[in-house]
Amino acid sequence: MPRAEYERLKALADEAAEDAGTARLVARAKKGDGLRLPLAIVEQLASGENPIRVLRRFRGLTQAELATAEKIQITQNYLSDLETGKRKGPFELHRKIAAVLDVPVDLLAPIAVAADEAEPGRLVKRKPAVAKVKRQRGLR
């Protein structure tokens, strides 16, 4: 298959995947059981701003609060890197972040990567670092 044809088909597949995610969100909203976001937040997400940062601020959480949430347990530096795009996080982490932020994981899935692409060696070190931060802040 010629490279140009491959690129064309890949672009179509990416667009179809994005459309499918949007369709799921629209269907949930029509049923009335989905998340309703203010227009300003939707516009920020649509303009390409980092969804973790936008939704964290929408929920009124600091980076430290989100990073050390019971379900997440990452360092604030790692969260900062995720929000700035310096690093990519695994889908499982994005699922946990979505749960804490009480939003559909579809909003965070586009910026997630497979676990083996997300620096698994660093994830092993996160629990002691998070525990240290919590001790310093008197959270544990």
C-alpha atoms as a PDB file:
ATOM      1  CA  MET A   1       0.000   0.000   0.000  1.00  0.00           C
ATOM      2  CA  PRO A   2       1.429   3.401  -0.881  1.00  0.00           C
ATOM      3  CA  ARG A   3       2.401   5.615   2.066  1.00  0.00           C
ATOM      4  CA  ALA A   4       0.015   8.401   1.023  1.00  0.00           C
ATOM      5  CA  GLU A   5      -2.928   5.988   0.984  1.00  0.00           C
ATOM      6  CA  TYR A   6      -1.935   4.646   4.408  1.00  0.00           C
ATOM      7  CA  GLU A   7      -1.779   8.190   5.841  1.00  0.00           C
ATOM      8  CA  ARG A   8      -5.174   9.028   4.319  1.00  0.00           C
ATOM      9  CA  LEU A   9      -6.787   5.909   5.812  1.00  0.00           C
ATOM     10  CA  LYS A  10      -5.158   6.500   9.193  1.00  0.00           C
ATOM     11  CA  ALA A  11      -6.490  10.075   9.267  1.00  0.00           C
ATOM     12  CA  LEU A  12      -9.974   8.788   8.457  1.00  0.00           C
ATOM     13  CA  ALA A  13      -9.734   6.159  11.218  1.00  0.00           C
ATOM     14  CA  ASP A  14      -8.581   8.763  13.760  1.00  0.00           C
ATOM     15  CA  GLU A  15     -11.447  11.045  12.801  1.00  0.00           C
ATOM     16  CA  ALA A  16     -13.942   8.177  13.078  1.00  0.00           C
ATOM     17  CA  ALA A  17     -12.663   7.305  16.569  1.00  0.00           C
ATOM     18  CA  GLU A  18     -13.030  10.919  17.673  1.00  0.00           C
ATOM     19  CA  ASP A  19     -16.541  11.067  16.191  1.00  0.00           C
ATOM     20  CA  ALA A  20     -17.491   7.862  18.037  1.00  0.00           C
ATOM     21  CA  GLY A  21     -16.355   9.328  21.370  1.00  0.00           C
ATOM     22  CA  THR A  22     -18.301  12.500  20.714  1.00  0.00           C
ATOM     23  CA  ALA A  23     -21.382  10.474  19.759  1.00  0.00           C
ATOM     24  CA  ARG A  24     -21.193   8.565  23.069  1.00  0.00           C
ATOM     25  CA  LEU A  25     -21.029  11.821  25.029  1.00  0.00           C
ATOM     26  CA  VAL A  26     -23.942  13.301  23.077  1.00  0.00           C
ATOM     27  CA  ALA A  27     -26.026  10.158  23.605  1.00  0.00           C
ATOM     28  CA  ARG A  28     -25.383  10.300  27.365  1.00  0.00           C
ATOM     29  CA  ALA A  29     -26.312  13.981  27.472  1.00  0.00           C
ATOM     30  CA  LYS A  30     -29.582  13.302  25.634  1.00  0.00           C
ATOM     31  CA  LYS A  31     -30.475  10.601  28.154  1.00  0.00           C
ATOM     32  CA  GLY A  32     -29.942  13.139  30.897  1.00  0.00           C
ATOM     33  CA  ASP A  33     -27.557  10.987  32.932  1.00  0.00           C
ATOM     34  CA  GLY A  34     -24.337  12.407  31.539  1.00  0.00           C
ATOM     35  CA  LEU A  35     -22.037  15.098  32.766  1.00  0.00           C
ATOM     36  CA  ARG A  36     -23.062  18.654  31.982  1.00  0.00           C
ATOM     37  CA  LEU A  37     -20.220  21.110  31.650  1.00  0.00           C
ATOM     38  CA  PRO A  38     -20.393  24.893  31.385  1.00  0.00           C
ATOM     39  CA  LEU A  39     -19.847  26.269  27.889  1.00  0.00           C
ATOM     40  CA  ALA A  40     -16.545  27.868  28.914  1.00  0.00           C
ATOM     41  CA  ILE A  41     -15.172  24.469  29.968  1.00  0.00           C
ATOM     42  CA  VAL A  42     -16.383  22.816  26.763  1.00  0.00           C
ATOM     43  CA  GLU A  43     -14.738  25.566  24.733  1.00  0.00           C
ATOM     44  CA  GLN A  44     -11.444  25.087  26.590  1.00  0.00           C
ATOM     45  CA  LEU A  45     -11.547  21.348  25.901  1.00  0.00           C
ATOM     46  CA  ALA A  46     -12.515  21.890  22.259  1.00  0.00           C
ATOM     47  CA  SER A  47      -9.673  24.371  21.752  1.00  0.00           C
ATOM     48  CA  GLY A  48      -7.158  21.682  22.702  1.00  0.00           C
ATOM     49  CA  GLU A  49      -6.309  22.683  26.256  1.00  0.00           C
ATOM     50  CA  ASN A  50      -5.152  19.820  28.426  1.00  0.00           C
ATOM     51  CA  PRO A  51      -8.303  18.080  29.699  1.00  0.00           C
ATOM     52  CA  ILE A  52      -6.759  17.066  33.016  1.00  0.00           C
ATOM     53  CA  ARG A  53      -5.868  20.666  33.853  1.00  0.00           C
ATOM     54  CA  VAL A  54      -9.191  22.080  32.649  1.00  0.00           C
ATOM     55  CA  LEU A  55     -11.286  19.526  34.540  1.00  0.00           C
ATOM     56  CA  ARG A  56      -9.116  19.688  37.677  1.00  0.00           C
ATOM     57  CA  ARG A  57      -9.596  23.450  37.834  1.00  0.00           C
ATOM     58  CA  PHE A  58     -13.316  23.048  37.091  1.00  0.00           C
ATOM     59  CA  ARG A  59     -13.592  20.757  40.135  1.00  0.00           C
ATOM     60  CA  GLY A  60     -11.642  23.267  42.246  1.00  0.00           C
ATOM     61  CA  LEU A  61      -8.700  20.973  42.998  1.00  0.00           C
ATOM     62  CA  THR A  62      -5.020  21.840  43.213  1.00  0.00           C
ATOM     63  CA  GLN A  63      -2.433  19.650  41.553  1.00  0.00           C
ATOM     64  CA  ALA A  64      -1.362  18.379  44.969  1.00  0.00           C
ATOM     65  CA  GLU A  65      -4.927  17.451  45.921  1.00  0.00           C
ATOM     66  CA  LEU A  66      -5.542  15.562  42.699  1.00  0.00           C
ATOM     67  CA  ALA A  67      -2.144  13.860  42.637  1.00  0.00           C
ATOM     68  CA  THR A  68      -2.468  12.560  46.190  1.00  0.00           C
ATOM     69  CA  ALA A  69      -6.120  11.532  45.923  1.00  0.00           C
ATOM     70  CA  GLU A  70      -6.664   8.050  47.328  1.00  0.00           C
ATOM     71  CA  LYS A  71      -7.354   6.452  43.938  1.00  0.00           C
ATOM     72  CA  ILE A  72      -4.525   8.198  42.056  1.00  0.00           C
ATOM     73  CA  GLN A  73      -1.381   8.388  44.244  1.00  0.00           C
ATOM     74  CA  ILE A  74       1.143  10.056  41.935  1.00  0.00           C
ATOM     75  CA  THR A  75       3.569  12.885  42.568  1.00  0.00           C
ATOM     76  CA  GLN A  76       2.592  16.457  41.876  1.00  0.00           C
ATOM     77  CA  ASN A  77       5.539  16.713  39.455  1.00  0.00           C
ATOM     78  CA  TYR A  78       4.202  13.774  37.438  1.00  0.00           C
ATOM     79  CA  LEU A  79       0.742  15.358  37.305  1.00  0.00           C
ATOM     80  CA  SER A  80       2.306  18.633  36.223  1.00  0.00           C
ATOM     81  CA  ASP A  81       4.154  16.822  33.432  1.00  0.00           C
ATOM     82  CA  LEU A  82       0.883  15.209  32.332  1.00  0.00           C
ATOM     83  CA  GLU A  83      -0.852  18.576  32.285  1.00  0.00           C
ATOM     84  CA  THR A  84       1.891  20.277  30.294  1.00  0.00           C
ATOM     85  CA  GLY A  85       2.259  17.376  27.870  1.00  0.00           C
ATOM     86  CA  LYS A  86       5.876  16.674  28.833  1.00  0.00           C
ATOM     87  CA  ARG A  87       4.922  13.094  29.660  1.00  0.00           C
ATOM     88  CA  LYS A  88       2.139  10.728  28.735  1.00  0.00           C
ATOM     89  CA  GLY A  89       0.249   8.662  31.260  1.00  0.00           C
ATOM     90  CA  PRO A  90      -1.145   5.152  30.879  1.00  0.00           C
ATOM     91  CA  PHE A  91      -4.842   4.685  30.176  1.00  0.00           C
ATOM     92  CA  GLU A  92      -5.374   3.107  33.606  1.00  0.00           C
ATOM     93  CA  LEU A  93      -4.085   6.266  35.311  1.00  0.00           C
ATOM     94  CA  HIS A  94      -6.359   8.418  33.153  1.00  0.00           C
ATOM     95  CA  ARG A  95      -9.277   6.190  34.134  1.00  0.00           C
ATOM     96  CA  LYS A  96      -8.491   6.815  37.812  1.00  0.00           C
ATOM     97  CA  ILE A  97      -8.148  10.563  37.256  1.00  0.00           C
ATOM     98  CA  ALA A  98     -11.498  10.596  35.439  1.00  0.00           C
ATOM     99  CA  ALA A  99     -13.095   8.764  38.366  1.00  0.00           C
ATOM    100  CA  VAL A 100     -11.764  11.263  40.908  1.00  0.00           C
ATOM    101  CA  LEU A 101     -12.838  14.194  38.720  1.00  0.00           C
ATOM    102  CA  ASP A 102     -16.210  12.494  38.185  1.00  0.00           C
ATOM    103  CA  VAL A 103     -16.055  12.811  34.394  1.00  0.00           C
ATOM    104  CA  PRO A 104     -16.311  10.225  31.604  1.00  0.00           C
ATOM    105  CA  VAL A 105     -12.970   8.647  30.773  1.00  0.00           C
ATOM    106  CA  ASP A 106     -13.726   9.533  27.136  1.00  0.00           C
ATOM    107  CA  LEU A 107     -12.644  13.080  27.957  1.00  0.00           C
ATOM    108  CA  LEU A 108      -9.160  11.913  28.965  1.00  0.00           C
ATOM    109  CA  ALA A 109      -8.652   8.882  26.718  1.00  0.00           C
ATOM    110  CA  PRO A 110      -7.240  10.863  23.762  1.00  0.00           C
ATOM    111  CA  ILE A 111      -4.171  11.872  25.779  1.00  0.00           C
ATOM    112  CA  ALA A 112      -3.555   8.409  27.303  1.00  0.00           C
ATOM    113  CA  VAL A 113      -1.012   5.872  26.046  1.00  0.00           C
ATOM    114  CA  ALA A 114      -0.451   2.152  26.543  1.00  0.00           C
ATOM    115  CA  ALA A 115       1.126   1.211  29.873  1.00  0.00           C
ATOM    116  CA  ASP A 116       4.410   0.113  28.285  1.00  0.00           C
ATOM    117  CA  GLU A 117       4.755   3.538  26.627  1.00  0.00           C
ATOM    118  CA  ALA A 118       4.276   5.467  29.875  1.00  0.00           C
ATOM    119  CA  GLU A 119       7.599   4.853  31.636  1.00  0.00           C
ATOM    120  CA  PRO A 120       6.572   1.965  33.921  1.00  0.00           C
ATOM    121  CA  GLY A 121       9.861   2.124  35.835  1.00  0.00           C
ATOM    122  CA  ARG A 122       8.923   5.527  37.217  1.00  0.00           C
ATOM    123  CA  LEU A 123       5.512   4.324  38.349  1.00  0.00           C
ATOM    124  CA  VAL A 124       7.144   1.845  40.743  1.00  0.00           C
ATOM    125  CA  LYS A 125       8.786   4.747  42.595  1.00  0.00           C
ATOM    126  CA  ARG A 126       5.621   6.787  43.005  1.00  0.00           C
ATOM    127  CA  LYS A 127       4.176   5.289  46.212  1.00  0.00           C
ATOM    128  CA  PRO A 128       7.165   6.190  48.439  1.00  0.00           C
ATOM    129  CA  ALA A 129       7.280   9.687  46.926  1.00  0.00           C
ATOM    130  CA  VAL A 130       3.547  10.253  47.465  1.00  0.00           C
ATOM    131  CA  ALA A 131       3.788   8.927  51.022  1.00  0.00           C
ATOM    132  CA  LYS A 132       6.621  11.369  51.726  1.00  0.00           C
ATOM    133  CA  VAL A 133       4.595  14.314  50.395  1.00  0.00           C
ATOM    134  CA  LYS A 134       1.590  13.275  52.499  1.00  0.00           C
ATOM    135  CA  ARG A 135       3.745  13.007  55.625  1.00  0.00           C
ATOM    136  CA  GLN A 136       5.206  16.462  54.970  1.00  0.00           C
ATOM    137  CA  ARG A 137       1.727  17.930  54.638  1.00  0.00           C
ATOM    138  CA  GLY A 138       0.380  16.057  57.635  1.00  0.00           C
ATOM    139  CA  LEU A 139      -2.106  14.117  55.506  1.00  0.00           C
ATOM    140  CA  ARG A 140      -1.166  10.732  56.908  1.00  0.00           C
END
